[in-house]
């Protein structure tokens, strides 16, 4: 990545494949500011689809992205059914065989277990703890400020 001047930190919304094309387009919401709604938006076009729960660091100048999951997850609370707006959650600690995530805002921690509804996330964290995660660096993202 080319320094930090063009680096965005956030998540994608509404990423869909373009009709009759192998390309995708959507919106990237840069998590800049004190709280929601984060209004620093970018239009995205590229060859990859992204999930709305993935947090990415993107160098808008070079079109390179680094996936920050599972250290950061957007909207983890929506899986727990707390009824609150989505928030940014960070991996915090290991509790026995479970993993704890804490929100940036004042909210209860979320415990992820092997037998819960977030078992796939639990397995991803467990895999990262047993060996370094292969860096998921993506190239060729076209980002334009809205």
Foldseek 3Di string as FASTA:
>chain_A
DPPPPQKFKFFWDDWDADPPDLKIKTKTFGPDDDDPPRDFIKIKMDNDDGDRQWIWIARQVFQKIWTPPPQKTWQPVVQVVPPDDIFIWGFDDDDPLWTWIDTPDPDDIDIGHCPDPVVVSSVVVVVCVVDPDDIDMDGDMNIGTD
